[in-house]
Amino acid sequence: MSYYKYHLFFCTNRRESGASCGGTVDAQALRDYAKQRTKALGIAGREGCVRVNSAGCLNRCGEGPVAVVYPDDVWYRYASREDIDEIIEEHLLHGRVVTRLKI
């Protein structure tokens, strides 16, 4: 069994060329929001709970800002705090994949 129940990685990469990727759509701010929300809900940073992290390039740039939940290997595309709230509420709290955001 892994230390965390879920590990949520956000692509926050920025390309030198300025080409579209997570970093160019303020993914860092939404990752920070996810970290804050999981802490507020009491599900962050301890054994059996959730860890929210930044990642370098996840190589899915053409799909918009992306995040992945491990160990489930579920990839999400998101655009707003509401999308992040839904991922946290449905997937991280209740174990249900958010189909409308899944890629």
N, C-alpha and C. Protein backbone atom coordinates (compact mmCIF):
# COMPACT_ATOMS: atom_id res chain seq x y z
N MET A 1 0.84 -1.17 0.00
CA MET A 1 0.00 0.00 0.00
C MET A 1 0.89 1.24 0.00
N SER A 2 0.52 2.24 -0.79
CA SER A 2 1.31 3.47 -0.84
C SER A 2 1.01 4.35 0.37
N TYR A 3 1.88 5.28 0.62
CA TYR A 3 1.74 6.17 1.77
C TYR A 3 0.49 7.03 1.64
N TYR A 4 0.28 7.61 0.43
CA TYR A 4 -0.90 8.42 0.18
C TYR A 4 -1.96 7.60 -0.53
N LYS A 5 -3.20 7.86 -0.22
CA LYS A 5 -4.28 7.20 -0.95
C LYS A 5 -4.30 7.68 -2.39
N TYR A 6 -4.17 9.00 -2.58
CA TYR A 6 -4.12 9.59 -3.92
C TYR A 6 -2.99 10.60 -3.99
N HIS A 7 -2.39 10.65 -5.16
CA HIS A 7 -1.36 11.64 -5.46
C HIS A 7 -1.84 12.38 -6.69
N LEU A 8 -2.06 13.68 -6.57
CA LEU A 8 -2.58 14.50 -7.67
C LEU A 8 -1.47 15.40 -8.20
N PHE A 9 -1.08 15.15 -9.45
CA PHE A 9 -0.02 15.93 -10.08
C PHE A 9 -0.61 16.89 -11.11
N PHE A 10 -0.16 18.14 -11.05
CA PHE A 10 -0.55 19.16 -12.02
C PHE A 10 0.65 19.49 -12.88
N CYS A 11 0.46 19.50 -14.20
CA CYS A 11 1.51 19.99 -15.07
C CYS A 11 1.57 21.51 -14.90
N THR A 12 2.73 22.00 -14.46
CA THR A 12 2.92 23.45 -14.32
C THR A 12 4.12 23.91 -15.15
N ASN A 13 4.43 23.12 -16.16
CA ASN A 13 5.57 23.41 -17.02
C ASN A 13 5.35 24.69 -17.83
N ARG A 14 6.43 25.41 -18.08
CA ARG A 14 6.41 26.58 -18.97
C ARG A 14 7.45 26.35 -20.06
N ARG A 15 7.02 26.43 -21.31
CA ARG A 15 7.93 26.26 -22.43
C ARG A 15 8.61 27.58 -22.77
N GLU A 16 9.89 27.50 -23.04
CA GLU A 16 10.64 28.70 -23.41
C GLU A 16 10.10 29.35 -24.68
N SER A 17 9.58 28.53 -25.56
CA SER A 17 9.07 29.04 -26.84
C SER A 17 7.75 29.79 -26.68
N GLY A 18 7.11 29.64 -25.52
CA GLY A 18 5.80 30.27 -25.31
C GLY A 18 4.65 29.43 -25.81
N ALA A 19 4.96 28.24 -26.36
CA ALA A 19 3.90 27.34 -26.84
C ALA A 19 2.99 26.95 -25.68
N SER A 20 1.75 26.67 -26.00
CA SER A 20 0.75 26.35 -24.99
C SER A 20 1.13 25.13 -24.16
N CYS A 21 1.01 25.27 -22.86
CA CYS A 21 1.18 24.15 -21.93
C CYS A 21 0.58 24.58 -20.59
N GLY A 22 0.64 23.72 -19.61
CA GLY A 22 0.00 24.01 -18.32
C GLY A 22 0.40 25.33 -17.72
N GLY A 23 1.68 25.66 -17.78
CA GLY A 23 2.16 26.89 -17.17
C GLY A 23 1.63 28.15 -17.82
N THR A 24 1.25 28.08 -19.08
CA THR A 24 0.78 29.29 -19.76
C THR A 24 -0.68 29.58 -19.46
N VAL A 25 -1.38 28.68 -18.80
CA VAL A 25 -2.80 28.91 -18.47
C VAL A 25 -3.00 29.02 -16.96
N ASP A 26 -1.94 29.41 -16.27
CA ASP A 26 -1.97 29.62 -14.82
C ASP A 26 -2.30 28.34 -14.05
N ALA A 27 -1.73 27.24 -14.51
CA ALA A 27 -1.92 25.97 -13.83
C ALA A 27 -1.39 26.01 -12.40
N GLN A 28 -0.33 26.78 -12.18
CA GLN A 28 0.24 26.86 -10.82
C GLN A 28 -0.79 27.40 -9.83
N ALA A 29 -1.54 28.42 -10.24
CA ALA A 29 -2.56 28.99 -9.34
C ALA A 29 -3.65 27.97 -9.04
N LEU A 30 -4.04 27.18 -10.02
CA LEU A 30 -5.08 26.17 -9.78
C LEU A 30 -4.53 25.01 -8.97
N ARG A 31 -3.27 24.68 -9.15
CA ARG A 31 -2.63 23.66 -8.31
C ARG A 31 -2.58 24.16 -6.86
N ASP A 32 -2.20 25.44 -6.68
CA ASP A 32 -2.16 26.02 -5.33
C ASP A 32 -3.56 25.99 -4.69
N TYR A 33 -4.57 26.27 -5.50
CA TYR A 33 -5.94 26.22 -5.01
C TYR A 33 -6.30 24.80 -4.56
N ALA A 34 -5.93 23.79 -5.37
CA ALA A 34 -6.22 22.39 -5.01
C ALA A 34 -5.53 22.02 -3.69
N LYS A 35 -4.31 22.47 -3.54
CA LYS A 35 -3.58 22.19 -2.30
C LYS A 35 -4.29 22.83 -1.10
N GLN A 36 -4.70 24.07 -1.26
CA GLN A 36 -5.42 24.78 -0.20
C GLN A 36 -6.74 24.07 0.13
N ARG A 37 -7.49 23.66 -0.89
CA ARG A 37 -8.79 23.00 -0.66
C ARG A 37 -8.63 21.67 0.05
N THR A 38 -7.64 20.87 -0.36
CA THR A 38 -7.46 19.57 0.30
C THR A 38 -7.03 19.76 1.75
N LYS A 39 -6.24 20.79 2.01
CA LYS A 39 -5.87 21.09 3.41
C LYS A 39 -7.09 21.52 4.21
N ALA A 40 -7.91 22.40 3.62
CA ALA A 40 -9.12 22.87 4.31
C ALA A 40 -10.08 21.73 4.61
N LEU A 41 -10.11 20.74 3.74
CA LEU A 41 -10.99 19.59 3.94
C LEU A 41 -10.39 18.55 4.88
N GLY A 42 -9.14 18.75 5.27
CA GLY A 42 -8.48 17.82 6.19
C GLY A 42 -8.05 16.51 5.56
N ILE A 43 -7.85 16.52 4.25
CA ILE A 43 -7.47 15.27 3.57
C ILE A 43 -6.07 15.35 2.97
N ALA A 44 -5.27 16.33 3.38
CA ALA A 44 -3.97 16.55 2.75
C ALA A 44 -2.80 16.21 3.65
N GLY A 45 -1.73 15.70 2.99
CA GLY A 45 -0.41 15.66 3.58
C GLY A 45 -0.13 14.70 4.70
N ARG A 46 -0.94 13.71 4.88
CA ARG A 46 -0.61 12.71 5.90
C ARG A 46 -0.94 11.33 5.34
N GLU A 47 -0.41 10.34 5.98
CA GLU A 47 -0.57 8.96 5.53
C GLU A 47 -2.05 8.62 5.32
N GLY A 48 -2.32 7.97 4.18
CA GLY A 48 -3.67 7.55 3.87
C GLY A 48 -4.54 8.63 3.26
N CYS A 49 -3.97 9.81 3.04
CA CYS A 49 -4.75 10.92 2.50
C CYS A 49 -4.27 11.32 1.11
N VAL A 50 -4.24 12.59 0.82
CA VAL A 50 -3.98 13.11 -0.51
C VAL A 50 -2.73 13.98 -0.51
N ARG A 51 -1.96 13.88 -1.56
CA ARG A 51 -0.81 14.77 -1.78
C ARG A 51 -1.02 15.47 -3.11
N VAL A 52 -0.92 16.80 -3.12
CA VAL A 52 -1.04 17.60 -4.35
C VAL A 52 0.35 18.13 -4.68
N ASN A 53 0.79 17.87 -5.92
CA ASN A 53 2.12 18.28 -6.35
C ASN A 53 2.12 18.93 -7.72
N SER A 54 3.15 19.74 -7.94
CA SER A 54 3.44 20.24 -9.28
C SER A 54 4.30 19.20 -9.98
N ALA A 55 4.17 19.15 -11.28
CA ALA A 55 5.01 18.27 -12.09
C ALA A 55 5.58 19.08 -13.24
N GLY A 56 6.66 18.61 -13.78
CA GLY A 56 7.16 19.19 -15.01
C GLY A 56 6.22 18.77 -16.13
N CYS A 57 6.72 18.79 -17.33
CA CYS A 57 5.88 18.44 -18.48
C CYS A 57 5.34 17.02 -18.35
N LEU A 58 4.04 16.88 -18.50
CA LEU A 58 3.40 15.56 -18.49
C LEU A 58 3.15 15.06 -19.91
N ASN A 59 3.58 15.85 -20.90
CA ASN A 59 3.56 15.47 -22.31
C ASN A 59 2.16 15.26 -22.88
N ARG A 60 1.20 16.04 -22.39
CA ARG A 60 -0.16 15.99 -22.93
C ARG A 60 -0.63 17.41 -23.22
N CYS A 61 0.28 18.24 -23.66
CA CYS A 61 0.06 19.68 -23.85
C CYS A 61 -1.12 19.99 -24.77
N GLY A 62 -1.34 19.19 -25.77
CA GLY A 62 -2.41 19.43 -26.72
C GLY A 62 -3.79 19.30 -26.14
N GLU A 63 -3.89 18.80 -24.91
CA GLU A 63 -5.20 18.56 -24.30
C GLU A 63 -5.58 19.65 -23.30
N GLY A 64 -4.79 20.72 -23.26
CA GLY A 64 -5.08 21.80 -22.32
C GLY A 64 -4.39 21.56 -21.01
N PRO A 65 -4.73 22.32 -19.98
CA PRO A 65 -4.12 22.07 -18.67
C PRO A 65 -4.58 20.70 -18.16
N VAL A 66 -3.60 19.92 -17.69
CA VAL A 66 -3.92 18.56 -17.26
C VAL A 66 -3.40 18.28 -15.86
N ALA A 67 -4.06 17.32 -15.24
CA ALA A 67 -3.65 16.78 -13.95
C ALA A 67 -3.90 15.27 -14.01
N VAL A 68 -3.16 14.54 -13.21
CA VAL A 68 -3.32 13.09 -13.17
C VAL A 68 -3.40 12.63 -11.72
N VAL A 69 -4.30 11.68 -11.47
CA VAL A 69 -4.47 11.11 -10.13
C VAL A 69 -3.87 9.70 -10.13
N TYR A 70 -2.90 9.50 -9.25
CA TYR A 70 -2.33 8.17 -9.03
C TYR A 70 -2.72 7.69 -7.65
N PRO A 71 -2.88 6.41 -7.43
CA PRO A 71 -2.49 5.31 -8.30
C PRO A 71 -3.54 4.92 -9.35
N ASP A 72 -4.62 5.68 -9.44
CA ASP A 72 -5.70 5.32 -10.37
C ASP A 72 -5.36 5.54 -11.83
N ASP A 73 -4.31 6.32 -12.11
CA ASP A 73 -3.91 6.63 -13.49
C ASP A 73 -5.07 7.24 -14.27
N VAL A 74 -5.73 8.22 -13.65
CA VAL A 74 -6.84 8.93 -14.29
C VAL A 74 -6.36 10.33 -14.61
N TRP A 75 -6.47 10.70 -15.89
CA TRP A 75 -6.04 12.00 -16.39
C TRP A 75 -7.23 12.91 -16.54
N TYR A 76 -7.05 14.16 -16.09
CA TYR A 76 -8.12 15.15 -16.19
C TYR A 76 -7.64 16.40 -16.92
N ARG A 77 -8.58 17.00 -17.61
CA ARG A 77 -8.42 18.32 -18.18
C ARG A 77 -9.30 19.24 -17.34
N TYR A 78 -8.81 20.42 -17.02
CA TYR A 78 -9.59 21.33 -16.18
C TYR A 78 -9.42 22.75 -16.69
N ALA A 79 -10.34 23.64 -16.29
CA ALA A 79 -10.27 25.02 -16.75
C ALA A 79 -10.59 26.02 -15.64
N SER A 80 -11.05 25.55 -14.49
CA SER A 80 -11.52 26.49 -13.48
C SER A 80 -11.44 25.89 -12.08
N ARG A 81 -11.66 26.75 -11.09
CA ARG A 81 -11.73 26.27 -9.71
C ARG A 81 -12.89 25.29 -9.53
N GLU A 82 -13.97 25.52 -10.25
CA GLU A 82 -15.12 24.61 -10.16
C GLU A 82 -14.74 23.21 -10.63
N ASP A 83 -13.93 23.12 -11.68
CA ASP A 83 -13.46 21.81 -12.14
C ASP A 83 -12.59 21.15 -11.07
N ILE A 84 -11.70 21.93 -10.46
CA ILE A 84 -10.83 21.40 -9.40
C ILE A 84 -11.68 20.93 -8.22
N ASP A 85 -12.68 21.73 -7.84
CA ASP A 85 -13.57 21.32 -6.76
C ASP A 85 -14.25 19.99 -7.07
N GLU A 86 -14.67 19.82 -8.31
CA GLU A 86 -15.35 18.58 -8.69
C GLU A 86 -14.40 17.38 -8.63
N ILE A 87 -13.17 17.56 -9.07
CA ILE A 87 -12.18 16.48 -9.00
C ILE A 87 -11.92 16.11 -7.54
N ILE A 88 -11.78 17.11 -6.69
CA ILE A 88 -11.53 16.85 -5.27
C ILE A 88 -12.73 16.15 -4.63
N GLU A 89 -13.90 16.72 -4.84
CA GLU A 89 -15.12 16.17 -4.23
C GLU A 89 -15.42 14.75 -4.71
N GLU A 90 -15.44 14.58 -6.00
CA GLU A 90 -15.84 13.28 -6.55
C GLU A 90 -14.73 12.23 -6.47
N HIS A 91 -13.56 12.56 -6.99
CA HIS A 91 -12.51 11.54 -7.08
C HIS A 91 -11.76 11.37 -5.75
N LEU A 92 -11.25 12.46 -5.21
CA LEU A 92 -10.40 12.33 -4.03
C LEU A 92 -11.18 12.03 -2.76
N LEU A 93 -12.39 12.52 -2.65
CA LEU A 93 -13.20 12.23 -1.45
C LEU A 93 -14.05 10.97 -1.59
N HIS A 94 -14.57 10.72 -2.79
CA HIS A 94 -15.53 9.62 -2.95
C HIS A 94 -15.09 8.52 -3.90
N GLY A 95 -13.92 8.66 -4.53
CA GLY A 95 -13.41 7.61 -5.40
C GLY A 95 -14.13 7.46 -6.71
N ARG A 96 -14.87 8.49 -7.13
CA ARG A 96 -15.62 8.43 -8.38
C ARG A 96 -14.95 9.29 -9.45
N VAL A 97 -14.66 8.69 -10.59
CA VAL A 97 -14.03 9.41 -11.70
C VAL A 97 -14.99 10.47 -12.24
N VAL A 98 -14.47 11.65 -12.51
CA VAL A 98 -15.26 12.74 -13.08
C VAL A 98 -15.20 12.58 -14.60
N THR A 99 -16.17 11.90 -15.14
CA THR A 99 -16.18 11.53 -16.55
C THR A 99 -16.10 12.72 -17.49
N ARG A 100 -16.78 13.80 -17.18
CA ARG A 100 -16.79 14.93 -18.09
C ARG A 100 -15.44 15.62 -18.22
N LEU A 101 -14.54 15.42 -17.26
CA LEU A 101 -13.21 16.03 -17.31
C LEU A 101 -12.10 15.03 -17.68
N LYS A 102 -12.45 13.78 -17.74
CA LYS A 102 -11.45 12.74 -18.00
C LYS A 102 -10.97 12.80 -19.45
N ILE A 103 -9.66 12.61 -19.62
CA ILE A 103 -9.08 12.52 -20.97
C ILE A 103 -8.42 11.17 -21.17
